[in-house]
Amino acid sequence: MKRNRTDLFVLVALFLTTHFFYWRSWKAGFISDFTGLMERLDGSPFSDVLNCFGFPSMSQVLNFFLYLIYQAFGTAPLPWYLIHTSLHVLNAFLLYRLLRFAFAKWELRQPMLWAVGAAFFFLLLPYQSEVLVWKVCLNFLLSGLWLLLILGQVFQYWEHGKQRHLWLAHSIFLLALFTFELALTIPFILLFFSLAWHFRFGQAAFQGGSLKSNGLYLHLPQFSMLGLYFLLNKLVLGSWVGHYGESVHLQFKLSAVLATLFKYLSKVFLLARYFPHTRKEYLFSRFDQPIWLWGLVIAGLIVAVIYLLRFRKWAAGGQLAGLFLLSGMFALLPVLNLYFNYLLLVENDRYTYFASLFLMPALAAGLAALPRWLSYSLGLIYVLACGWLLYKTTSYWQESAQVQEALMDGFEWTEQSEVYILGMPDNYKGIVLYRDMAEGNRGFRDALRYLRGRDIKGQLHEVVKFNMNAPMEGVSPRMTSDSTIQVKLNQWGCWWWRKGRGALNYETPNYKFEKLDLEYQLQLKKIAPDAVFLYQDSLQFKVFPLN
C-alpha cells in the first residue's frame, strides 16, 4: 500500500506540474504542417489509414489515432491539448516506474529519489514543448509510450521468466514500427540492456533462461521484424525507408553525424539552445572543426573502452549512466543526418524527445554517483533551469497563438481575385506559424480554411515572411515608382524568410522579388484591377494603397 500511495503521489505531482507549465499554450500548435495534415484527413474515408492518407510512410498506427482524434474533435484545442499533455504525463510516470525498478535492482544509491528526479528532468526539459504543443507531434508521444511499455514488459520477462511478457513486448514493437521510424532503434537498445543485465547479474540475470535463450526469443524475433519492416517499405513505398526517403535517411557522412551527436548532447545536458547567440554559436561551431571533433571522438572512444573493459568494477551509478547514455545516443541516430537548428528557439526540438527517455536517466544515474551535496545541488540547479526555460517557452507559444488568431480573425479579403501579403510571420521566436515549405503561398490560406472555415476565393500571394520576435513587430511598405513597392522591417533581429529558410530573389508572372538586406523591392508586372495589397503591422493586416 505504501508503494501504491507513493506512485499515486508521483503521478499527481507529474500531472499538476505539466499543466502548471503548459496550460497557457492550450490554444497553440495548430500551425504549419498541421493544416497539411488536416488537408489529408478532411473528407477521407477510414480505409485511407492503410495508405497513411497519401503520406509516404508506413505509419498506419499513427494515422489511425490521428483520424480518430480528428473525427471526434476536429480542431477544438482543448481535447488536443489534453491528449498531448496526458500522454506526456503517462510517459513520465512510466519512466519513473521503470527506473524505480532498474535503479533498485542495480542497487543505486537512493533509487526512489533518482527515479523521481529523472522523471521530472524528462517532464520539464524545455525542448519537449514542441512535441506537447504542436499537434502534428503525436508520433513522438506514441513512440515514447511504446518504448516504455516494451521496456516494462522486457524487464518483467527478465525478472519472472513468463512468456506472456515476451509476447506483449513483440506485439507492442509491431505497433511502434508502424507508428514512426524512431522505433527502428528499439531492438539495438534492448540488446544493450540485455548485455548490461547479463554482465551485471551473471547467471541470475534472466529468470528461466540465459543470454543465449534471451537472444533466441527476444532479440532474434525483433531483428527479424525489423528486416521484414524494411522489406515491406521497399515493396509498398518503393524505398527501404519512408518519410523523407532513402536520399535523406540513409545518407550518413561520419564527421557530420558525429558533430551533430555532440551538438545534441550539449544541447540537452547544458541546455545550450538557450545560451546567448554568440555563446551557442561558438559552442556548436566548435563541433564542426576537425581538431575539436576528432579530439572529442578519440576521448570518447578511450572512455568507452575503459568503461566496457572495467564494466563489472564500476559502481551502479557509473554502469547505469553509461548504459543509458549509450542508449540515448543510439536513439538519436535516425535524426543525426537531419538539419540541426540552433539559431532560433523550438524548431526541431522534437528530435530530442525520444532520446531524452534515456539521456535524463543517464543524468540522474551520473548525479547519483557523486557526493550527495554535489548531486543534490547539480540536480536542483538543472531542474530549476529547465522549469524556468520551459515557463518562458510556453509563454512564447501562448504569444504565437495570439498572433496567429489575431491575423486570421482580422482577415476580411476573401472575395478579391488577388491578394498580396507583403509581409507576415514565418515563425515566432522559432515557433513555426504560417510556414509553407513548397511555394510559400499556402501557409495562411490553409490556416484560414481549416481553423476558421473560410476560403480565400481568389489567388493569394504570400510574397515573403519574416521571423517575428514580439507581438508588436511588423513591416512598412512605400511606393518608389508607379510599379515598385519597397518594404522594410520595422525592427532589428528579423530577416526575410521564404519556404522555411532565408528568402532569395525570385520571380513570378505577377511580380519580381529582390531582397535588399532588411528591405526588399517588389517590381509589379501583372496585377488584377481589384487586387489588394496587405502588410502586417503588430497584430493586424493593413491595406497598402497603390495610388
Protein backbone atom coordinates (compact mmCIF):
# COMPACT_ATOMS: atom_id res chain seq x y z
CA MET A 1 0.00 0.00 0.00
CA LYS A 2 2.86 2.39 0.78
CA ARG A 3 4.32 1.94 -2.70
CA ASN A 4 0.88 2.46 -4.27
CA ARG A 5 0.45 5.71 -2.32
CA THR A 6 3.89 6.85 -3.42
CA ASP A 7 3.08 6.08 -7.06
CA LEU A 8 -0.18 8.00 -6.79
CA PHE A 9 1.61 10.96 -5.25
CA VAL A 10 4.21 10.96 -8.04
CA LEU A 11 1.52 10.69 -10.72
CA VAL A 12 -0.45 13.62 -9.27
CA ALA A 13 2.74 15.68 -8.97
CA LEU A 14 3.63 14.98 -12.60
CA PHE A 15 0.09 15.85 -13.71
CA LEU A 16 -0.07 19.14 -11.80
CA THR A 17 3.43 20.18 -12.83
CA THR A 18 2.71 19.55 -16.51
CA HIS A 19 -0.44 21.65 -16.51
CA PHE A 20 1.16 24.42 -14.46
CA PHE A 21 3.72 24.92 -17.22
CA TYR A 22 1.65 24.09 -20.31
CA TRP A 23 -1.86 25.42 -19.64
CA ARG A 24 -1.03 28.81 -21.21
CA SER A 25 -0.26 27.06 -24.50
CA TRP A 26 -3.52 25.12 -24.80
CA LYS A 27 -4.72 27.06 -27.84
CA ALA A 28 -1.39 26.94 -29.64
CA GLY A 29 0.12 24.39 -32.02
CA PHE A 30 -2.38 24.36 -34.89
CA ILE A 31 0.31 25.54 -37.24
CA SER A 32 2.19 24.80 -40.44
CA ASP A 33 2.24 21.01 -41.02
CA PHE A 34 -0.96 20.64 -39.00
CA THR A 35 -3.01 22.24 -41.77
CA GLY A 36 -1.33 19.89 -44.24
CA LEU A 37 -2.45 17.00 -42.05
CA MET A 38 -5.99 18.37 -41.99
CA GLU A 39 -5.98 18.54 -45.78
CA ARG A 40 -5.13 14.84 -45.96
CA LEU A 41 -7.68 13.83 -43.33
CA ASP A 42 -10.53 16.11 -44.38
CA GLY A 43 -13.19 14.08 -46.20
CA SER A 44 -11.02 10.96 -46.38
CA PRO A 45 -12.54 7.56 -45.56
CA PHE A 46 -11.24 5.49 -42.67
CA SER A 47 -9.84 2.97 -45.14
CA ASP A 48 -7.20 5.54 -46.16
CA VAL A 49 -5.47 4.78 -42.87
CA LEU A 50 -3.92 1.87 -44.79
CA ASN A 51 -2.11 4.18 -47.23
CA CYS A 52 -1.42 6.79 -44.50
CA PHE A 53 -3.67 9.28 -46.33
CA GLY A 54 -1.12 9.61 -49.10
CA PHE A 55 1.89 10.33 -46.90
CA PRO A 56 4.94 8.23 -47.91
CA SER A 57 5.46 6.23 -44.72
CA MET A 58 4.40 3.01 -43.01
CA SER A 59 2.76 4.81 -40.07
CA GLN A 60 -0.70 3.23 -40.08
CA VAL A 61 -0.93 3.12 -36.28
CA LEU A 62 -0.19 6.83 -36.00
CA ASN A 63 -2.71 7.69 -38.71
CA PHE A 64 -5.34 5.51 -37.04
CA PHE A 65 -5.12 7.63 -33.89
CA LEU A 66 -4.90 10.92 -35.80
CA TYR A 67 -8.02 10.01 -37.78
CA LEU A 68 -9.98 9.12 -34.64
CA ILE A 69 -8.97 12.32 -32.85
CA TYR A 70 -9.79 14.50 -35.85
CA GLN A 71 -13.16 12.84 -36.41
CA ALA A 72 -14.04 13.16 -32.73
CA PHE A 73 -12.81 16.68 -32.03
CA GLY A 74 -11.96 18.44 -35.29
CA THR A 75 -9.70 21.36 -34.43
CA ALA A 76 -11.13 22.03 -30.95
CA PRO A 77 -7.99 22.98 -28.99
CA LEU A 78 -8.82 21.62 -25.52
CA PRO A 79 -9.12 17.90 -26.46
CA TRP A 80 -5.89 18.01 -28.47
CA TYR A 81 -4.13 19.75 -25.58
CA LEU A 82 -5.37 17.18 -23.05
CA ILE A 83 -4.38 14.24 -25.26
CA HIS A 84 -0.84 15.53 -25.71
CA THR A 85 -0.30 16.52 -22.09
CA SER A 86 -1.85 13.29 -20.79
CA LEU A 87 0.47 11.19 -22.94
CA HIS A 88 3.45 13.18 -21.69
CA VAL A 89 2.42 12.68 -18.07
CA LEU A 90 1.92 8.98 -18.73
CA ASN A 91 5.36 8.70 -20.33
CA ALA A 92 6.99 10.47 -17.38
CA PHE A 93 5.16 8.20 -14.93
CA LEU A 94 6.09 5.01 -16.80
CA LEU A 95 9.70 6.22 -16.92
CA TYR A 96 9.63 6.70 -13.15
CA ARG A 97 8.22 3.18 -12.66
CA LEU A 98 10.86 1.61 -14.89
CA LEU A 99 13.69 3.48 -13.23
CA ARG A 100 12.42 2.74 -9.74
CA PHE A 101 12.74 -0.95 -10.59
CA ALA A 102 16.04 -0.74 -12.52
CA PHE A 103 17.74 1.61 -10.05
CA ALA A 104 16.73 -0.56 -7.08
CA LYS A 105 17.82 -3.78 -8.80
CA TRP A 106 21.16 -2.19 -9.64
CA GLU A 107 21.39 -1.00 -6.01
CA LEU A 108 21.83 2.62 -6.99
CA ARG A 109 22.04 4.94 -4.04
CA GLN A 110 18.58 6.36 -3.22
CA PRO A 111 16.84 4.69 -6.19
CA MET A 112 13.42 6.19 -5.50
CA LEU A 113 14.74 9.73 -5.28
CA TRP A 114 16.67 9.50 -8.54
CA ALA A 115 13.84 7.72 -10.35
CA VAL A 116 11.58 10.64 -9.44
CA GLY A 117 14.35 13.08 -10.35
CA ALA A 118 14.85 11.57 -13.81
CA ALA A 119 11.08 11.64 -14.43
CA PHE A 120 10.99 15.36 -13.63
CA PHE A 121 14.10 16.04 -15.69
CA PHE A 122 12.25 14.46 -18.60
CA LEU A 123 8.96 16.17 -17.81
CA LEU A 124 10.41 19.67 -17.58
CA LEU A 125 13.03 19.55 -20.30
CA PRO A 126 12.13 22.71 -22.26
CA TYR A 127 12.74 21.01 -25.61
CA GLN A 128 9.64 18.88 -25.01
CA SER A 129 7.40 21.88 -25.72
CA GLU A 130 7.38 21.33 -29.48
CA VAL A 131 6.09 17.77 -29.01
CA LEU A 132 3.45 18.71 -26.45
CA VAL A 133 2.13 21.82 -28.17
CA TRP A 134 2.50 21.20 -31.91
CA LYS A 135 -0.42 18.98 -32.80
CA VAL A 136 1.39 17.02 -35.51
CA CYS A 137 3.85 15.60 -32.96
CA LEU A 138 1.63 12.79 -31.69
CA ASN A 139 4.11 10.36 -33.30
CA PHE A 140 6.83 11.29 -30.80
CA LEU A 141 4.50 10.87 -27.82
CA LEU A 142 3.27 7.49 -29.04
CA SER A 143 6.80 6.31 -29.88
CA GLY A 144 7.89 7.17 -26.35
CA LEU A 145 4.89 5.32 -24.93
CA TRP A 146 5.56 2.15 -26.96
CA LEU A 147 9.24 2.23 -25.99
CA LEU A 148 8.46 2.44 -22.27
CA LEU A 149 5.83 -0.29 -22.46
CA ILE A 150 8.25 -2.57 -24.32
CA LEU A 151 10.98 -1.98 -21.73
CA GLY A 152 8.48 -2.65 -18.96
CA GLN A 153 7.48 -5.99 -20.46
CA VAL A 154 11.09 -6.99 -21.11
CA PHE A 155 12.05 -6.17 -17.52
CA GLN A 156 9.13 -8.29 -16.33
CA TYR A 157 10.24 -11.13 -18.59
CA TRP A 158 13.77 -11.00 -17.26
CA GLU A 159 12.51 -10.82 -13.68
CA HIS A 160 9.85 -13.55 -13.81
CA GLY A 161 10.53 -15.54 -17.00
CA LYS A 162 6.88 -15.57 -18.11
CA GLN A 163 6.33 -15.84 -21.85
CA ARG A 164 3.33 -13.53 -21.91
CA HIS A 165 5.60 -10.56 -21.21
CA LEU A 166 7.74 -11.54 -24.17
CA TRP A 167 4.74 -11.79 -26.50
CA LEU A 168 3.43 -8.44 -25.29
CA ALA A 169 6.82 -6.84 -25.93
CA HIS A 170 6.85 -8.16 -29.51
CA SER A 171 3.25 -7.03 -30.11
CA ILE A 172 3.95 -3.52 -28.85
CA PHE A 173 7.09 -3.40 -31.00
CA LEU A 174 4.91 -4.01 -34.06
CA LEU A 175 2.74 -1.05 -33.04
CA ALA A 176 5.89 1.04 -32.64
CA LEU A 177 7.24 0.09 -36.06
CA PHE A 178 4.04 1.23 -37.75
CA THR A 179 3.89 4.43 -35.72
CA PHE A 180 7.19 6.17 -36.50
CA GLU A 181 10.68 5.38 -37.77
CA LEU A 182 12.27 6.04 -34.37
CA ALA A 183 11.19 2.50 -33.46
CA LEU A 184 13.99 1.19 -35.70
CA THR A 185 16.41 1.79 -32.83
CA ILE A 186 14.49 -0.24 -30.23
CA PRO A 187 15.98 -3.71 -30.99
CA PHE A 188 19.51 -2.32 -30.66
CA ILE A 189 18.68 -0.55 -27.39
CA LEU A 190 17.17 -3.76 -25.97
CA LEU A 191 20.38 -5.57 -26.92
CA PHE A 192 22.42 -3.00 -24.97
CA PHE A 193 20.20 -3.53 -21.93
CA SER A 194 20.35 -7.30 -22.29
CA LEU A 195 24.15 -7.34 -22.35
CA ALA A 196 24.39 -4.94 -19.42
CA TRP A 197 21.91 -7.06 -17.45
CA HIS A 198 23.98 -10.16 -18.15
CA PHE A 199 27.33 -8.65 -17.17
CA ARG A 200 25.85 -7.06 -14.04
CA PHE A 201 23.96 -10.05 -12.67
CA GLY A 202 25.59 -13.06 -14.35
CA GLN A 203 23.64 -16.34 -14.18
CA ALA A 204 20.83 -14.69 -12.21
CA ALA A 205 20.24 -12.04 -14.88
CA PHE A 206 17.33 -13.73 -16.67
CA GLN A 207 14.81 -15.89 -14.84
CA GLY A 208 14.07 -19.10 -16.72
CA GLY A 209 16.71 -18.51 -19.37
CA SER A 210 20.23 -17.48 -20.32
CA LEU A 211 21.84 -14.84 -22.51
CA LYS A 212 21.64 -17.31 -25.39
CA SER A 213 17.93 -18.06 -24.95
CA ASN A 214 17.31 -14.36 -24.44
CA GLY A 215 18.90 -13.74 -27.82
CA LEU A 216 16.85 -16.50 -29.41
CA TYR A 217 13.43 -15.49 -28.06
CA LEU A 218 13.78 -11.74 -27.61
CA HIS A 219 16.40 -10.29 -29.95
CA LEU A 220 16.14 -12.60 -32.97
CA PRO A 221 12.36 -12.03 -33.41
CA GLN A 222 12.80 -8.26 -33.00
CA PHE A 223 15.59 -8.00 -35.56
CA SER A 224 13.61 -10.30 -37.88
CA MET A 225 10.60 -7.97 -37.65
CA LEU A 226 12.96 -5.10 -38.39
CA GLY A 227 14.14 -6.78 -41.58
CA LEU A 228 10.59 -7.56 -42.68
CA TYR A 229 9.62 -3.94 -42.00
CA PHE A 230 12.35 -2.68 -44.35
CA LEU A 231 11.26 -5.19 -46.98
CA LEU A 232 7.63 -4.09 -46.67
CA ASN A 233 8.70 -0.46 -47.09
CA LYS A 234 10.51 -1.37 -50.29
CA LEU A 235 7.53 -3.30 -51.66
CA VAL A 236 4.87 -0.72 -50.75
CA LEU A 237 6.71 2.60 -50.98
CA GLY A 238 9.49 1.68 -53.38
CA SER A 239 12.01 2.82 -50.76
CA TRP A 240 13.73 0.99 -47.91
CA VAL A 241 12.60 3.70 -45.53
CA GLY A 242 9.69 6.13 -45.69
CA HIS A 243 9.09 9.69 -44.55
CA TYR A 244 11.96 11.68 -46.17
CA GLY A 245 13.14 8.66 -48.16
CA GLU A 246 16.45 6.93 -48.79
CA SER A 247 18.16 10.07 -50.12
CA VAL A 248 17.90 11.62 -46.65
CA HIS A 249 17.62 8.86 -44.05
CA LEU A 250 20.25 6.52 -45.49
CA GLN A 251 22.91 9.11 -46.22
CA PHE A 252 25.45 9.25 -43.41
CA LYS A 253 28.63 11.30 -43.51
CA LEU A 254 30.61 10.17 -40.46
CA SER A 255 32.06 13.54 -39.49
CA ALA A 256 28.69 15.32 -39.85
CA VAL A 257 26.85 12.64 -37.87
CA LEU A 258 29.39 12.72 -35.04
CA ALA A 259 29.36 16.52 -34.95
CA THR A 260 25.56 16.54 -34.72
CA LEU A 261 25.67 13.94 -31.96
CA PHE A 262 27.89 16.19 -29.83
CA LYS A 263 25.62 19.13 -30.60
CA TYR A 264 22.59 17.23 -29.33
CA LEU A 265 24.36 16.08 -26.18
CA SER A 266 25.47 19.63 -25.34
CA LYS A 267 22.03 20.92 -26.23
CA VAL A 268 20.36 18.53 -23.78
CA PHE A 269 22.79 18.41 -20.87
CA LEU A 270 23.91 22.06 -20.98
CA LEU A 271 20.56 23.47 -22.20
CA ALA A 272 22.74 25.20 -24.78
CA ARG A 273 19.87 26.10 -27.11
CA TYR A 274 19.06 28.89 -24.66
CA PHE A 275 22.57 30.37 -24.48
CA PRO A 276 23.03 33.90 -25.84
CA HIS A 277 23.51 33.70 -29.59
CA THR A 278 27.27 34.39 -29.63
CA ARG A 279 27.95 31.72 -26.99
CA LYS A 280 25.87 28.98 -28.55
CA GLU A 281 27.26 29.79 -31.99
CA TYR A 282 30.77 29.49 -30.57
CA LEU A 283 29.92 26.17 -28.87
CA PHE A 284 28.11 24.47 -31.74
CA SER A 285 30.57 25.67 -34.38
CA ARG A 286 33.45 24.02 -32.47
CA PHE A 287 31.97 20.59 -33.21
CA ASP A 288 32.27 21.24 -36.94
CA GLN A 289 36.00 21.90 -36.66
CA PRO A 290 38.09 18.73 -37.25
CA ILE A 291 40.54 19.34 -34.40
CA TRP A 292 37.72 19.67 -31.86
CA LEU A 293 35.54 16.94 -33.36
CA TRP A 294 38.18 14.23 -33.64
CA GLY A 295 39.69 15.19 -30.32
CA LEU A 296 36.30 14.60 -28.69
CA VAL A 297 35.78 11.39 -30.66
CA ILE A 298 39.15 9.98 -29.54
CA ALA A 299 38.48 10.99 -25.93
CA GLY A 300 35.02 9.43 -26.13
CA LEU A 301 36.41 6.18 -27.55
CA ILE A 302 39.01 5.96 -24.79
CA VAL A 303 36.33 6.47 -22.14
CA ALA A 304 34.09 3.90 -23.85
CA VAL A 305 36.85 1.27 -23.97
CA ILE A 306 37.71 1.83 -20.30
CA TYR A 307 34.02 1.68 -19.42
CA LEU A 308 33.49 -1.63 -21.26
CA LEU A 309 36.69 -3.30 -20.03
CA ARG A 310 36.01 -2.34 -16.42
CA PHE A 311 32.23 -2.61 -16.55
CA ARG A 312 31.96 -5.13 -13.70
CA LYS A 313 34.12 -2.95 -11.45
CA TRP A 314 32.11 0.23 -11.90
CA ALA A 315 29.64 1.22 -9.19
CA ALA A 316 25.94 1.13 -10.04
CA GLY A 317 25.82 4.85 -10.93
CA GLY A 318 28.64 4.54 -13.43
CA GLN A 319 27.22 1.40 -15.04
CA LEU A 320 23.74 2.85 -15.40
CA ALA A 321 24.92 6.26 -16.60
CA GLY A 322 26.95 4.60 -19.36
CA LEU A 323 24.13 2.25 -20.34
CA PHE A 324 21.52 5.00 -20.58
CA LEU A 325 23.92 7.40 -22.31
CA LEU A 326 24.76 4.80 -24.97
CA SER A 327 21.05 4.07 -25.46
CA GLY A 328 20.24 7.76 -25.72
CA MET A 329 22.95 8.34 -28.30
CA PHE A 330 21.68 5.42 -30.36
CA ALA A 331 18.10 6.71 -30.04
CA LEU A 332 19.34 9.92 -31.71
CA LEU A 333 20.76 8.03 -34.69
CA PRO A 334 17.71 8.48 -37.01
CA VAL A 335 17.93 12.28 -36.70
CA LEU A 336 21.71 12.79 -36.77
CA ASN A 337 21.80 13.28 -40.54
CA LEU A 338 18.97 15.83 -40.45
CA TYR A 339 19.38 19.58 -40.11
CA PHE A 340 20.45 20.69 -36.62
CA ASN A 341 18.87 24.04 -35.79
CA TYR A 342 20.15 26.32 -33.05
CA LEU A 343 19.63 29.82 -34.43
CA LEU A 344 16.12 30.37 -33.07
CA LEU A 345 14.16 28.55 -30.36
CA VAL A 346 11.87 25.50 -30.53
CA GLU A 347 12.28 24.43 -34.18
CA ASN A 348 13.32 20.74 -34.37
CA ASP A 349 13.38 20.40 -30.57
CA ARG A 350 11.04 17.44 -31.08
CA TYR A 351 14.00 15.33 -32.20
CA THR A 352 15.28 15.08 -28.61
CA TYR A 353 12.03 13.72 -27.11
CA PHE A 354 12.60 10.00 -27.76
CA ALA A 355 16.28 10.09 -26.79
CA SER A 356 15.58 12.09 -23.63
CA LEU A 357 13.88 8.99 -22.21
CA PHE A 358 17.45 7.66 -21.84
CA LEU A 359 19.50 10.83 -21.55
CA MET A 360 17.61 12.07 -18.48
CA PRO A 361 18.07 8.75 -16.62
CA ALA A 362 21.76 8.88 -17.62
CA LEU A 363 21.98 12.31 -15.99
CA ALA A 364 20.20 11.08 -12.86
CA ALA A 365 22.39 7.98 -12.54
CA GLY A 366 25.53 10.05 -13.11
CA LEU A 367 24.49 12.53 -10.42
CA ALA A 368 23.72 9.70 -8.01
CA ALA A 369 27.35 8.59 -8.26
CA LEU A 370 28.60 11.97 -6.99
CA PRO A 371 28.86 13.07 -3.37
CA ARG A 372 25.40 13.82 -2.03
CA TRP A 373 25.83 17.54 -1.56
CA LEU A 374 27.09 17.92 -5.11
CA SER A 375 24.49 15.62 -6.68
CA TYR A 376 21.64 17.39 -4.91
CA SER A 377 22.99 20.83 -5.86
CA LEU A 378 23.50 19.99 -9.54
CA GLY A 379 20.17 18.15 -9.77
CA LEU A 380 18.31 21.08 -8.24
CA ILE A 381 20.07 23.59 -10.50
CA TYR A 382 19.22 21.53 -13.59
CA VAL A 383 15.55 21.07 -12.74
CA LEU A 384 15.12 24.75 -11.81
CA ALA A 385 16.82 25.82 -15.03
CA CYS A 386 14.54 23.50 -17.02
CA GLY A 387 11.48 24.85 -15.24
CA TRP A 388 12.40 28.48 -15.84
CA LEU A 389 13.23 27.96 -19.50
CA LEU A 390 10.10 25.87 -20.06
CA TYR A 391 7.96 28.59 -18.47
CA LYS A 392 9.44 31.17 -20.86
CA THR A 393 9.00 28.84 -23.84
CA THR A 394 5.34 28.07 -23.17
CA SER A 395 4.79 31.82 -22.83
CA TYR A 396 6.19 32.19 -26.34
CA TRP A 397 3.77 29.51 -27.52
CA GLN A 398 0.92 31.48 -25.95
CA GLU A 399 2.05 34.65 -27.73
CA SER A 400 2.40 32.80 -31.02
CA ALA A 401 -1.20 31.62 -30.75
CA GLN A 402 -2.35 35.18 -30.08
CA VAL A 403 -0.55 36.39 -33.21
CA GLN A 404 -1.99 33.56 -35.30
CA GLU A 405 -5.56 34.06 -34.10
CA ALA A 406 -5.46 37.85 -34.42
CA LEU A 407 -4.30 37.72 -38.04
CA MET A 408 -6.89 35.12 -39.02
CA ASP A 409 -9.77 36.80 -37.20
CA GLY A 410 -8.95 40.19 -38.69
CA PHE A 411 -8.67 38.98 -42.29
CA GLU A 412 -11.56 40.35 -44.43
CA TRP A 413 -10.34 39.99 -48.02
CA THR A 414 -11.72 36.62 -49.12
CA GLU A 415 -13.62 37.87 -52.23
CA GLN A 416 -10.85 39.62 -54.17
CA SER A 417 -9.43 37.90 -57.22
CA GLU A 418 -5.89 38.61 -55.98
CA VAL A 419 -4.47 39.24 -52.51
CA TYR A 420 -0.82 40.13 -51.96
CA ILE A 421 0.59 39.87 -48.43
CA LEU A 422 3.76 41.95 -48.37
CA GLY A 423 4.99 40.65 -45.01
CA MET A 424 3.79 38.19 -42.36
CA PRO A 425 5.42 35.87 -39.80
CA ASP A 426 7.06 32.64 -40.85
CA ASN A 427 7.75 31.89 -37.19
CA TYR A 428 7.57 33.43 -33.75
CA LYS A 429 10.93 33.11 -31.97
CA GLY A 430 11.37 29.87 -33.94
CA ILE A 431 7.82 28.56 -33.37
CA VAL A 432 6.52 27.99 -36.88
CA LEU A 433 3.37 29.92 -37.78
CA TYR A 434 2.50 30.36 -41.46
CA ARG A 435 5.39 28.40 -42.91
CA ASP A 436 4.94 26.65 -46.25
CA MET A 437 7.89 24.59 -47.46
CA ALA A 438 6.61 24.38 -51.04
CA GLU A 439 5.85 27.56 -52.98
CA GLY A 440 5.18 29.68 -49.94
CA ASN A 441 1.58 30.57 -50.80
CA ARG A 442 -0.47 28.15 -48.69
CA GLY A 443 0.51 28.78 -45.07
CA PHE A 444 -2.11 31.43 -44.34
CA ARG A 445 -4.71 30.16 -46.83
CA ASP A 446 -4.77 26.68 -45.29
CA ALA A 447 -4.85 28.03 -41.74
CA LEU A 448 -7.86 30.21 -42.59
CA ARG A 449 -9.61 27.27 -44.27
CA TYR A 450 -9.09 24.56 -41.67
CA LEU A 451 -9.04 26.62 -38.48
CA ARG A 452 -11.68 29.23 -39.35
CA GLY A 453 -13.71 27.55 -42.09
CA ARG A 454 -13.19 30.45 -44.52
CA ASP A 455 -11.84 30.17 -48.04
CA ILE A 456 -9.95 32.82 -49.99
CA LYS A 457 -11.66 32.61 -53.36
CA GLY A 458 -9.00 34.37 -55.40
CA GLN A 459 -5.27 33.94 -55.76
CA LEU A 460 -3.19 34.54 -52.64
CA HIS A 461 0.42 35.68 -52.93
CA GLU A 462 2.37 35.37 -49.68
CA VAL A 463 5.23 37.44 -51.10
CA VAL A 464 7.68 36.99 -48.23
CA LYS A 465 7.71 36.34 -44.49
CA PHE A 466 9.91 37.21 -41.54
CA ASN A 467 10.85 35.79 -38.16
CA MET A 468 8.78 37.58 -35.54
CA ASN A 469 10.14 38.12 -32.02
CA ALA A 470 7.44 40.21 -30.33
CA PRO A 471 3.69 40.75 -30.88
CA MET A 472 4.12 44.39 -31.89
CA GLU A 473 6.53 43.79 -34.77
CA GLY A 474 5.73 44.26 -38.44
CA VAL A 475 6.74 45.77 -41.78
CA SER A 476 6.27 49.11 -43.57
CA PRO A 477 5.79 49.49 -47.36
CA ARG A 478 6.18 52.54 -49.59
CA MET A 479 5.85 53.20 -53.32
CA THR A 480 9.12 54.13 -55.03
CA SER A 481 7.63 54.26 -58.54
CA ASP A 482 4.34 53.53 -60.29
CA SER A 483 5.12 49.79 -60.34
CA THR A 484 7.60 49.31 -57.49
CA ILE A 485 6.97 48.79 -53.80
CA GLN A 486 9.77 48.84 -51.25
CA VAL A 487 9.12 47.12 -47.92
CA LYS A 488 11.26 47.36 -44.79
CA LEU A 489 11.25 45.57 -41.46
CA ASN A 490 10.22 47.81 -38.57
CA GLN A 491 12.69 46.25 -36.13
CA TRP A 492 16.13 44.71 -35.78
CA GLY A 493 16.68 41.00 -35.16
CA CYS A 494 14.48 39.88 -38.06
CA TRP A 495 15.17 38.84 -41.63
CA TRP A 496 13.18 37.75 -44.67
CA TRP A 497 12.00 34.13 -44.96
CA ARG A 498 10.52 32.03 -47.75
CA LYS A 499 9.95 28.26 -47.95
CA GLY A 500 11.16 27.83 -44.39
CA ARG A 501 14.56 29.48 -44.84
CA GLY A 502 16.15 32.80 -45.68
CA ALA A 503 14.48 34.37 -48.70
CA LEU A 504 16.27 34.54 -52.03
CA ASN A 505 15.44 36.62 -55.09
CA TYR A 506 12.69 35.09 -57.22
CA GLU A 507 10.25 35.99 -59.97
CA THR A 508 6.66 35.03 -60.88
CA PRO A 509 4.41 36.10 -63.79
CA ASN A 510 2.91 38.73 -61.47
CA TYR A 511 5.96 40.28 -59.81
CA LYS A 512 9.69 40.20 -59.22
CA PHE A 513 11.07 39.99 -55.66
CA GLU A 514 14.55 41.35 -54.90
CA LYS A 515 15.97 41.28 -51.39
CA LEU A 516 17.86 44.38 -50.21
CA ASP A 517 19.20 43.36 -46.79
CA LEU A 518 16.50 44.43 -44.28
CA GLU A 519 14.33 45.75 -47.09
CA TYR A 520 13.08 44.27 -50.31
CA GLN A 521 11.83 45.60 -53.62
CA LEU A 522 8.74 44.28 -55.36
CA GLN A 523 8.51 45.03 -59.06
CA LEU A 524 4.87 44.65 -60.15
CA LYS A 525 4.18 43.17 -63.57
CA LYS A 526 0.64 41.86 -63.97
CA ILE A 527 -1.90 42.92 -61.35
CA ALA A 528 -5.69 42.37 -61.30
CA PRO A 529 -7.84 45.54 -61.11
CA ASP A 530 -9.32 44.53 -57.73
CA ALA A 531 -6.04 43.29 -56.27
CA VAL A 532 -5.46 44.23 -52.64
CA PHE A 533 -2.05 44.64 -51.02
CA LEU A 534 -1.74 43.88 -47.31
CA TYR A 535 1.06 44.13 -44.80
CA GLN A 536 1.33 43.13 -41.18
CA ASP A 537 1.70 45.79 -38.55
CA SER A 538 1.54 44.44 -35.00
CA LEU A 539 -1.44 42.06 -34.72
CA GLN A 540 -3.34 43.17 -37.79
CA PHE A 541 -3.22 43.36 -41.56
CA LYS A 542 -3.36 46.83 -43.05
CA VAL A 543 -4.18 47.76 -46.64
CA PHE A 544 -1.44 49.39 -48.66
CA PRO A 545 -2.96 51.55 -51.41
CA LEU A 546 -1.03 51.62 -54.67
CA ASN A 547 -2.25 55.10 -55.50
